[in-house]
Amino acid sequence: MEAEKWGRRIRAYRKLKGFTQESFAKELGISVSILGEIERGNRMPDESLIGKIAGFLDVSIEELTPQ
């Protein structure tokens, strides 16, 4: 359930900032399939990846954290 919430928030912010999955995955240095798994809630991003995601999306980790 927690991974699902992370995935939804990451997807929403990615779209809000105008990134495609392909361009965002490339910025993060991960494959599109891994990003897709994260956004679908099948994989939990680790702490270092969460930091990179927040940085590229220009949001704080707190904003990205599911409530």
N, C-alpha and C. Protein backbone atom coordinates (compact mmCIF):
# COMPACT_ATOMS: atom_id res chain seq x y z
N MET A 1 0.83 -1.20 0.00
CA MET A 1 0.00 0.00 0.00
C MET A 1 0.87 1.26 0.00
N GLU A 2 1.92 1.26 0.79
CA GLU A 2 2.81 2.42 0.86
C GLU A 2 3.46 2.69 -0.49
N ALA A 3 3.89 1.64 -1.17
CA ALA A 3 4.53 1.81 -2.48
C ALA A 3 3.54 2.41 -3.48
N GLU A 4 2.27 2.02 -3.38
CA GLU A 4 1.24 2.58 -4.26
C GLU A 4 1.10 4.08 -4.08
N LYS A 5 1.10 4.52 -2.83
CA LYS A 5 0.97 5.95 -2.53
C LYS A 5 2.17 6.73 -3.07
N TRP A 6 3.37 6.19 -2.88
CA TRP A 6 4.57 6.83 -3.42
C TRP A 6 4.45 6.94 -4.94
N GLY A 7 4.06 5.84 -5.56
CA GLY A 7 3.95 5.81 -7.01
C GLY A 7 2.99 6.84 -7.56
N ARG A 8 1.83 6.96 -6.92
CA ARG A 8 0.83 7.94 -7.38
C ARG A 8 1.36 9.36 -7.26
N ARG A 9 2.04 9.65 -6.17
CA ARG A 9 2.55 11.01 -5.96
C ARG A 9 3.68 11.32 -6.95
N ILE A 10 4.57 10.37 -7.14
CA ILE A 10 5.67 10.57 -8.08
C ILE A 10 5.11 10.80 -9.49
N ARG A 11 4.16 9.98 -9.91
CA ARG A 11 3.55 10.13 -11.23
C ARG A 11 2.87 11.50 -11.37
N ALA A 12 2.13 11.90 -10.35
CA ALA A 12 1.42 13.18 -10.41
C ALA A 12 2.39 14.35 -10.54
N TYR A 13 3.44 14.37 -9.73
CA TYR A 13 4.42 15.45 -9.81
C TYR A 13 5.19 15.40 -11.13
N ARG A 14 5.51 14.20 -11.60
CA ARG A 14 6.23 14.08 -12.88
C ARG A 14 5.41 14.70 -14.00
N LYS A 15 4.13 14.36 -14.05
CA LYS A 15 3.26 14.90 -15.09
C LYS A 15 3.08 16.40 -14.94
N LEU A 16 2.93 16.85 -13.70
CA LEU A 16 2.77 18.28 -13.43
C LEU A 16 3.97 19.07 -13.94
N LYS A 17 5.16 18.50 -13.82
CA LYS A 17 6.38 19.18 -14.25
C LYS A 17 6.69 18.96 -15.74
N GLY A 18 5.84 18.19 -16.42
CA GLY A 18 5.98 18.03 -17.86
C GLY A 18 6.96 16.98 -18.34
N PHE A 19 7.36 16.07 -17.46
CA PHE A 19 8.27 14.99 -17.86
C PHE A 19 7.48 13.80 -18.41
N THR A 20 8.01 13.17 -19.46
CA THR A 20 7.49 11.87 -19.87
C THR A 20 8.19 10.83 -19.00
N GLN A 21 7.67 9.61 -19.00
CA GLN A 21 8.36 8.55 -18.26
C GLN A 21 9.76 8.36 -18.81
N GLU A 22 9.89 8.41 -20.12
CA GLU A 22 11.18 8.18 -20.76
C GLU A 22 12.20 9.25 -20.37
N SER A 23 11.79 10.52 -20.46
CA SER A 23 12.73 11.59 -20.15
C SER A 23 13.09 11.61 -18.66
N PHE A 24 12.10 11.32 -17.81
CA PHE A 24 12.35 11.34 -16.37
C PHE A 24 13.26 10.19 -15.95
N ALA A 25 13.00 9.01 -16.51
CA ALA A 25 13.85 7.85 -16.19
C ALA A 25 15.29 8.13 -16.61
N LYS A 26 15.46 8.75 -17.77
CA LYS A 26 16.81 9.08 -18.26
C LYS A 26 17.51 10.05 -17.30
N GLU A 27 16.80 11.07 -16.84
CA GLU A 27 17.36 12.04 -15.87
C GLU A 27 17.81 11.34 -14.59
N LEU A 28 17.00 10.36 -14.16
CA LEU A 28 17.29 9.66 -12.91
C LEU A 28 18.35 8.57 -13.07
N GLY A 29 18.62 8.18 -14.32
CA GLY A 29 19.60 7.12 -14.55
C GLY A 29 19.04 5.74 -14.26
N ILE A 30 17.72 5.58 -14.45
CA ILE A 30 17.08 4.27 -14.27
C ILE A 30 16.32 3.93 -15.55
N SER A 31 15.91 2.68 -15.67
CA SER A 31 15.17 2.27 -16.85
C SER A 31 13.72 2.71 -16.74
N VAL A 32 13.08 2.84 -17.89
CA VAL A 32 11.66 3.19 -17.92
C VAL A 32 10.85 2.11 -17.21
N SER A 33 11.25 0.86 -17.34
CA SER A 33 10.49 -0.21 -16.69
C SER A 33 10.55 -0.09 -15.17
N ILE A 34 11.69 0.30 -14.62
CA ILE A 34 11.79 0.50 -13.17
C ILE A 34 10.91 1.66 -12.73
N LEU A 35 10.96 2.77 -13.48
CA LEU A 35 10.10 3.91 -13.15
C LEU A 35 8.63 3.50 -13.23
N GLY A 36 8.27 2.73 -14.24
CA GLY A 36 6.90 2.26 -14.37
C GLY A 36 6.48 1.41 -13.18
N GLU A 37 7.36 0.53 -12.73
CA GLU A 37 7.06 -0.30 -11.56
C GLU A 37 6.84 0.56 -10.33
N ILE A 38 7.67 1.59 -10.16
CA ILE A 38 7.52 2.49 -9.02
C ILE A 38 6.19 3.22 -9.10
N GLU A 39 5.88 3.77 -10.27
CA GLU A 39 4.64 4.54 -10.42
C GLU A 39 3.40 3.67 -10.27
N ARG A 40 3.48 2.41 -10.63
CA ARG A 40 2.33 1.50 -10.47
C ARG A 40 2.23 0.96 -9.04
N GLY A 41 3.24 1.22 -8.22
CA GLY A 41 3.21 0.74 -6.84
C GLY A 41 3.72 -0.66 -6.66
N ASN A 42 4.42 -1.19 -7.67
CA ASN A 42 4.98 -2.54 -7.58
C ASN A 42 6.38 -2.55 -7.00
N ARG A 43 6.98 -1.38 -6.87
CA ARG A 43 8.35 -1.28 -6.34
C ARG A 43 8.45 -0.01 -5.51
N MET A 44 9.09 -0.13 -4.37
CA MET A 44 9.29 1.01 -3.48
C MET A 44 10.64 1.65 -3.81
N PRO A 45 10.67 2.96 -4.08
CA PRO A 45 11.96 3.61 -4.35
C PRO A 45 12.80 3.67 -3.08
N ASP A 46 14.13 3.48 -3.22
CA ASP A 46 14.97 3.58 -2.03
C ASP A 46 15.22 5.06 -1.71
N GLU A 47 15.82 5.29 -0.55
CA GLU A 47 16.01 6.66 -0.07
C GLU A 47 16.81 7.53 -1.03
N SER A 48 17.87 6.99 -1.61
CA SER A 48 18.69 7.80 -2.51
C SER A 48 17.91 8.17 -3.77
N LEU A 49 17.09 7.25 -4.26
CA LEU A 49 16.29 7.54 -5.44
C LEU A 49 15.20 8.57 -5.12
N ILE A 50 14.62 8.48 -3.95
CA ILE A 50 13.61 9.47 -3.53
C ILE A 50 14.23 10.86 -3.52
N GLY A 51 15.46 10.97 -3.03
CA GLY A 51 16.15 12.26 -3.03
C GLY A 51 16.39 12.78 -4.44
N LYS A 52 16.80 11.90 -5.36
CA LYS A 52 17.01 12.30 -6.75
C LYS A 52 15.70 12.73 -7.40
N ILE A 53 14.64 11.98 -7.14
CA ILE A 53 13.33 12.31 -7.71
C ILE A 53 12.88 13.69 -7.23
N ALA A 54 12.98 13.92 -5.94
CA ALA A 54 12.58 15.22 -5.38
C ALA A 54 13.41 16.34 -6.00
N GLY A 55 14.71 16.11 -6.16
CA GLY A 55 15.57 17.12 -6.74
C GLY A 55 15.20 17.47 -8.17
N PHE A 56 15.00 16.45 -9.00
CA PHE A 56 14.66 16.70 -10.40
C PHE A 56 13.27 17.32 -10.55
N LEU A 57 12.36 16.99 -9.63
CA LEU A 57 11.01 17.56 -9.69
C LEU A 57 10.93 18.92 -9.00
N ASP A 58 12.02 19.31 -8.35
CA ASP A 58 12.09 20.58 -7.63
C ASP A 58 11.00 20.69 -6.56
N VAL A 59 10.85 19.59 -5.80
CA VAL A 59 9.94 19.57 -4.65
C VAL A 59 10.72 19.01 -3.46
N SER A 60 10.24 19.29 -2.27
CA SER A 60 10.91 18.73 -1.09
C SER A 60 10.50 17.26 -0.93
N ILE A 61 11.31 16.53 -0.21
CA ILE A 61 10.97 15.13 0.08
C ILE A 61 9.66 15.08 0.87
N GLU A 62 9.43 16.07 1.73
CA GLU A 62 8.20 16.11 2.50
C GLU A 62 6.98 16.26 1.60
N GLU A 63 7.10 17.07 0.53
CA GLU A 63 5.98 17.24 -0.41
C GLU A 63 5.70 15.93 -1.15
N LEU A 64 6.75 15.19 -1.40
CA LEU A 64 6.64 13.94 -2.16
C LEU A 64 6.12 12.81 -1.28
N THR A 65 6.36 12.89 0.02
CA THR A 65 5.98 11.83 0.96
C THR A 65 4.48 11.69 1.07
N PRO A 66 3.97 10.46 0.89
CA PRO A 66 2.51 10.25 1.03
C PRO A 66 2.04 10.57 2.44
N GLN A 67 0.85 11.09 2.53
CA GLN A 67 0.26 11.43 3.83
C GLN A 67 -0.38 10.22 4.45
